[in-house]
Amino acid sequence: MEIIQLLISGVSQGCVYGLIALGFVLIYKATEMVNFAQGDVMMLGAYVAITFTSIWGWPYYWAVPATLLVMAGVGILLERLLFRPMIGEPHFAVLMLTIGLGFVLRALAGAIWGSEPRALQMPYVGDVLRMGEVVVGYENLAIIAGTALLCLLMWLFFRFTTVGLAMQAASQNQLAAFYVGIPVKRIFMLVWALSAVIAAIAGILTAPVSLVDPLIGFVGIKAFAAAIVGGFGSMPGAILGGLLVGIVEQLAGLYLPPGFADMSAYVLLLVMLVIRPQGLFATMQKKKV
């Protein structure tokens, strides 16, 4: 029963890693930029939700959509003010910009909300589901169900909507997409907005489980490892990589000495780079022309 309990916890944590990794992949596929501040964007989304619910007293069914709208605006501002001028610049410059952005977001969060951990109160917090000897918190079930629903919505979005198809076309070949009339710069802006919304959803789902503080954004490092394990550039790979990292982390905490659980994600990353450098879903190496 302990194994089942750990697997459920691992899947729950892995879903959070997968959602953040999904943001990495979306931005990379569209712009070939790697946003190392994605975890800090998740942290900011959690704080915005806490502001609406705990500080301003909004009901959650208003606070959650408001948080997603605010974070979509944050994504648009980041793309328009910081990253659009970086198009065509060396990847190293963009990398350093995103790392610097992470420092700025952490400092901003500390200045506004303080460094004391805060909790996000949701209606299901504290309830548990008992299945024999297995006890699962509704917070964990909400993470798993929310991730599954988001994946379904993302599939429908990219499969059946004009904007989703335009995003896929722009990610495959920006110049060809521009020639057929797709507004590539606007698509890039929407990709950053969508990535920020996904990060905010990850923050909202994980905040009832883990207290929120300005350093919670460092979870993005493990999410980046998950994205590479799954195959950097693959959206299904991002989710699968996140699940693998989450489960391995929980099992390492049970079977290995203390301290090994935190580094298990990086050990898994190193093993994957040695065995299969392109990741589980290899989609980076080719683009359609």
Foldseek 3Di string as FASTA:
>chain_A
DVLVQLLLQLLLQLLLLLLLLLLQQLLCLQQVAGQLLSLLLLLVLLVQLCCVPVVVNHANVVSLVVSLVVLLVVLLCCCVPPPVVCRPPDNVVRVVVNVVVLVVSLVVCCVPVNFDFAARDDPQQPDWDDDDPHIGGVLSVCSNVVSVVVVVVLCCCLPPDPLNVLSNVSSQPVVVSVVVPRPSSVSSSSSSSVSSSSSSVSSNSCRNVDTRGSPSSVVNVLSNLLCQQLFRNDSVSSSVSSSVLSSQLSVCCVPPDPPVSVCSSVVSSVVCCVPPRRHPDRDPPHGDD
